[in-house]
Each structure stands twice: as structure tokens, then as C-alpha cells.
Amino acid sequence: MYYVYILELENGQYYSGFTRDLKKRLIAHKNHSSPTTSRIEPKELVFYSAFKSKQKALDFEKYLKSSSGFAFRNKRLI
């Protein structure tokens, strides 16, 4: 399975990511071993979705990072 997830960060922002192993990736974020959240502490996991297709997961992550994806995230996911 492939996962797309959204983390709420301590500064109130959100981070969207993609991974094959969600548990391992969340531990990496908490331990600051992930460059994307090394300076800002992740507060909590607010959403995740599992996909069988890697391409569909990557497409959804890309959508979440677009302007219409931001609106969808704010209205439907968080």
C-alpha cells in the first residue's frame, strides 16, 4: 500500500506527504530525521489515505499541494 498523509505542525501549518510505510515515516518526522519537518515539530496526524497504486497516491499528494487541493483539504479533510 501507498499512503498520502497530512500532518498538522506546531506552527499551525500543514504538511502533506507520501510514503510506503506510514508508521516508519511518522516516527522519522517525530525524531526530526526527516528534512521536511526537521525544524518544525509535527503536532499530530490529521488525515491519511491508502492507495493500491503508487501513481494514484502521488497524483493525490500533488493535488493536495495545489491551490484547489488546499481548499479541498481545508473544507473536507481537516
N, C-alpha and C. Protein backbone atom coordinates (compact mmCIF):
# COMPACT_ATOMS: atom_id res chain seq x y z
N MET A 1 0.84 -1.18 0.00
CA MET A 1 0.00 0.00 0.00
C MET A 1 0.89 1.25 0.00
N TYR A 2 0.33 2.31 -0.52
CA TYR A 2 0.97 3.62 -0.55
C TYR A 2 0.07 4.60 0.20
N TYR A 3 0.68 5.49 0.95
CA TYR A 3 -0.09 6.38 1.81
C TYR A 3 0.19 7.83 1.49
N VAL A 4 -0.86 8.62 1.52
CA VAL A 4 -0.77 10.08 1.48
C VAL A 4 -1.30 10.55 2.83
N TYR A 5 -0.59 11.47 3.45
CA TYR A 5 -0.96 11.88 4.80
C TYR A 5 -0.82 13.39 4.96
N ILE A 6 -1.49 13.90 5.97
CA ILE A 6 -1.41 15.31 6.33
C ILE A 6 -1.06 15.42 7.80
N LEU A 7 -0.01 16.16 8.09
CA LEU A 7 0.40 16.44 9.46
C LEU A 7 0.08 17.89 9.79
N GLU A 8 -0.42 18.12 10.98
CA GLU A 8 -0.52 19.49 11.48
C GLU A 8 0.78 19.76 12.22
N LEU A 9 1.39 20.89 11.93
CA LEU A 9 2.65 21.26 12.56
C LEU A 9 2.41 22.20 13.73
N GLU A 10 3.39 22.32 14.60
CA GLU A 10 3.26 23.16 15.80
C GLU A 10 2.98 24.62 15.47
N ASN A 11 3.41 25.09 14.32
CA ASN A 11 3.19 26.49 13.94
C ASN A 11 1.83 26.72 13.27
N GLY A 12 0.98 25.68 13.23
CA GLY A 12 -0.35 25.81 12.66
C GLY A 12 -0.44 25.51 11.18
N GLN A 13 0.68 25.28 10.53
CA GLN A 13 0.68 24.92 9.12
C GLN A 13 0.44 23.42 8.96
N TYR A 14 0.25 23.00 7.71
CA TYR A 14 0.04 21.59 7.41
C TYR A 14 1.08 21.11 6.42
N TYR A 15 1.47 19.86 6.57
CA TYR A 15 2.43 19.23 5.68
C TYR A 15 1.77 18.01 5.06
N SER A 16 1.82 17.91 3.75
CA SER A 16 1.28 16.74 3.04
C SER A 16 2.45 15.91 2.54
N GLY A 17 2.35 14.61 2.69
CA GLY A 17 3.43 13.74 2.26
C GLY A 17 2.95 12.41 1.71
N PHE A 18 3.89 11.65 1.20
CA PHE A 18 3.65 10.36 0.57
C PHE A 18 4.66 9.37 1.14
N THR A 19 4.22 8.13 1.38
CA THR A 19 5.15 7.11 1.87
C THR A 19 4.62 5.72 1.59
N ARG A 20 5.49 4.77 1.68
CA ARG A 20 5.11 3.36 1.56
C ARG A 20 4.86 2.77 2.96
N ASP A 21 5.55 3.30 3.97
CA ASP A 21 5.43 2.81 5.35
C ASP A 21 5.06 3.98 6.26
N LEU A 22 3.77 4.12 6.56
CA LEU A 22 3.28 5.28 7.30
C LEU A 22 3.83 5.33 8.72
N LYS A 23 3.85 4.22 9.42
CA LYS A 23 4.34 4.22 10.81
C LYS A 23 5.80 4.66 10.87
N LYS A 24 6.63 4.12 9.98
CA LYS A 24 8.05 4.47 9.96
C LYS A 24 8.24 5.95 9.61
N ARG A 25 7.45 6.45 8.69
CA ARG A 25 7.56 7.85 8.28
C ARG A 25 7.16 8.80 9.41
N LEU A 26 6.11 8.45 10.15
CA LEU A 26 5.69 9.29 11.28
C LEU A 26 6.76 9.33 12.36
N ILE A 27 7.40 8.21 12.61
CA ILE A 27 8.50 8.16 13.59
C ILE A 27 9.65 9.05 13.12
N ALA A 28 9.94 9.01 11.82
CA ALA A 28 11.01 9.86 11.27
C ALA A 28 10.67 11.34 11.47
N HIS A 29 9.43 11.72 11.26
CA HIS A 29 9.03 13.11 11.48
C HIS A 29 9.18 13.48 12.95
N LYS A 30 8.75 12.62 13.85
CA LYS A 30 8.84 12.91 15.29
C LYS A 30 10.27 13.02 15.77
N ASN A 31 11.17 12.22 15.18
CA ASN A 31 12.58 12.21 15.60
C ASN A 31 13.42 13.25 14.85
N HIS A 32 12.78 14.08 14.05
CA HIS A 32 13.45 15.13 13.27
C HIS A 32 14.48 14.57 12.30
N SER A 33 14.32 13.32 11.88
CA SER A 33 15.23 12.75 10.90
C SER A 33 14.72 12.92 9.47
N SER A 34 13.60 13.60 9.33
CA SER A 34 13.06 13.94 8.02
C SER A 34 13.36 15.41 7.75
N PRO A 35 14.05 15.71 6.65
CA PRO A 35 14.43 17.11 6.38
C PRO A 35 13.23 18.07 6.30
N THR A 36 12.09 17.58 5.86
CA THR A 36 10.93 18.46 5.68
C THR A 36 10.36 18.97 6.99
N THR A 37 10.50 18.23 8.06
CA THR A 37 9.96 18.67 9.35
C THR A 37 11.05 18.69 10.42
N SER A 38 12.29 18.89 10.02
CA SER A 38 13.38 18.87 10.99
C SER A 38 13.39 20.10 11.90
N ARG A 39 12.88 21.24 11.39
CA ARG A 39 12.89 22.47 12.19
C ARG A 39 11.56 22.76 12.86
N ILE A 40 10.48 22.17 12.36
CA ILE A 40 9.15 22.43 12.91
C ILE A 40 8.56 21.12 13.41
N GLU A 41 8.21 21.09 14.67
CA GLU A 41 7.68 19.88 15.31
C GLU A 41 6.30 19.53 14.76
N PRO A 42 6.12 18.27 14.31
CA PRO A 42 4.77 17.85 13.93
C PRO A 42 3.90 17.68 15.17
N LYS A 43 2.70 18.21 15.12
CA LYS A 43 1.78 18.17 16.25
C LYS A 43 0.98 16.87 16.23
N GLU A 44 0.31 16.59 15.09
CA GLU A 44 -0.48 15.37 15.01
C GLU A 44 -0.79 15.00 13.56
N LEU A 45 -1.07 13.74 13.36
CA LEU A 45 -1.54 13.25 12.07
C LEU A 45 -3.03 13.55 12.00
N VAL A 46 -3.45 14.32 10.98
CA VAL A 46 -4.86 14.71 10.90
C VAL A 46 -5.62 13.95 9.82
N PHE A 47 -4.88 13.35 8.86
CA PHE A 47 -5.54 12.62 7.79
C PHE A 47 -4.54 11.69 7.12
N TYR A 48 -5.02 10.52 6.70
CA TYR A 48 -4.23 9.68 5.80
C TYR A 48 -5.18 8.86 4.95
N SER A 49 -4.68 8.48 3.79
CA SER A 49 -5.45 7.67 2.86
C SER A 49 -4.52 6.64 2.25
N ALA A 50 -5.01 5.42 2.05
CA ALA A 50 -4.20 4.34 1.48
C ALA A 50 -4.61 4.10 0.03
N PHE A 51 -3.62 3.82 -0.78
CA PHE A 51 -3.83 3.56 -2.21
C PHE A 51 -3.10 2.28 -2.61
N LYS A 52 -3.69 1.53 -3.50
CA LYS A 52 -3.01 0.35 -4.05
C LYS A 52 -2.01 0.75 -5.12
N SER A 53 -2.29 1.82 -5.82
CA SER A 53 -1.46 2.28 -6.92
C SER A 53 -0.54 3.42 -6.46
N LYS A 54 0.74 3.26 -6.73
CA LYS A 54 1.71 4.30 -6.38
C LYS A 54 1.39 5.59 -7.14
N GLN A 55 1.04 5.47 -8.41
CA GLN A 55 0.76 6.64 -9.22
C GLN A 55 -0.46 7.41 -8.72
N LYS A 56 -1.50 6.70 -8.29
CA LYS A 56 -2.68 7.38 -7.76
C LYS A 56 -2.35 8.13 -6.47
N ALA A 57 -1.52 7.52 -5.63
CA ALA A 57 -1.11 8.17 -4.39
C ALA A 57 -0.30 9.43 -4.69
N LEU A 58 0.64 9.34 -5.62
CA LEU A 58 1.44 10.51 -5.98
C LEU A 58 0.58 11.61 -6.60
N ASP A 59 -0.39 11.21 -7.42
CA ASP A 59 -1.30 12.20 -8.01
C ASP A 59 -2.13 12.91 -6.95
N PHE A 60 -2.60 12.15 -5.94
CA PHE A 60 -3.40 12.76 -4.87
C PHE A 60 -2.55 13.70 -4.02
N GLU A 61 -1.32 13.29 -3.74
CA GLU A 61 -0.42 14.17 -2.98
C GLU A 61 -0.18 15.47 -3.76
N LYS A 62 0.07 15.36 -5.05
CA LYS A 62 0.29 16.54 -5.90
C LYS A 62 -0.95 17.44 -5.88
N TYR A 63 -2.14 16.83 -5.94
CA TYR A 63 -3.38 17.60 -5.88
C TYR A 63 -3.50 18.34 -4.55
N LEU A 64 -3.19 17.67 -3.45
CA LEU A 64 -3.29 18.31 -2.13
C LEU A 64 -2.37 19.52 -2.01
N LYS A 65 -1.29 19.53 -2.76
CA LYS A 65 -0.34 20.64 -2.72
C LYS A 65 -0.69 21.76 -3.70
N SER A 66 -1.75 21.57 -4.47
CA SER A 66 -2.20 22.61 -5.41
C SER A 66 -3.16 23.55 -4.70
N SER A 67 -3.49 24.67 -5.35
CA SER A 67 -4.40 25.63 -4.72
C SER A 67 -5.80 25.05 -4.52
N SER A 68 -6.32 24.30 -5.47
CA SER A 68 -7.64 23.68 -5.28
C SER A 68 -7.56 22.56 -4.24
N GLY A 69 -6.41 21.91 -4.15
CA GLY A 69 -6.20 20.89 -3.12
C GLY A 69 -6.19 21.47 -1.73
N PHE A 70 -5.62 22.69 -1.57
CA PHE A 70 -5.65 23.37 -0.28
C PHE A 70 -7.09 23.60 0.16
N ALA A 71 -7.91 24.08 -0.77
CA ALA A 71 -9.32 24.35 -0.46
C ALA A 71 -10.04 23.06 -0.09
N PHE A 72 -9.80 21.98 -0.84
CA PHE A 72 -10.41 20.69 -0.55
C PHE A 72 -9.97 20.19 0.82
N ARG A 73 -8.68 20.30 1.11
CA ARG A 73 -8.15 19.87 2.41
C ARG A 73 -8.82 20.61 3.54
N ASN A 74 -8.93 21.92 3.41
CA ASN A 74 -9.49 22.74 4.49
C ASN A 74 -10.98 22.51 4.68
N LYS A 75 -11.69 22.20 3.62
CA LYS A 75 -13.13 22.03 3.70
C LYS A 75 -13.54 20.60 4.05
N ARG A 76 -12.80 19.61 3.56
CA ARG A 76 -13.24 18.21 3.68
C ARG A 76 -12.38 17.31 4.57
N LEU A 77 -11.10 17.64 4.73
CA LEU A 77 -10.21 16.67 5.38
C LEU A 77 -9.78 17.05 6.80
N ILE A 78 -9.75 18.34 7.09
CA ILE A 78 -9.25 18.71 8.43
C ILE A 78 -10.30 19.50 9.21
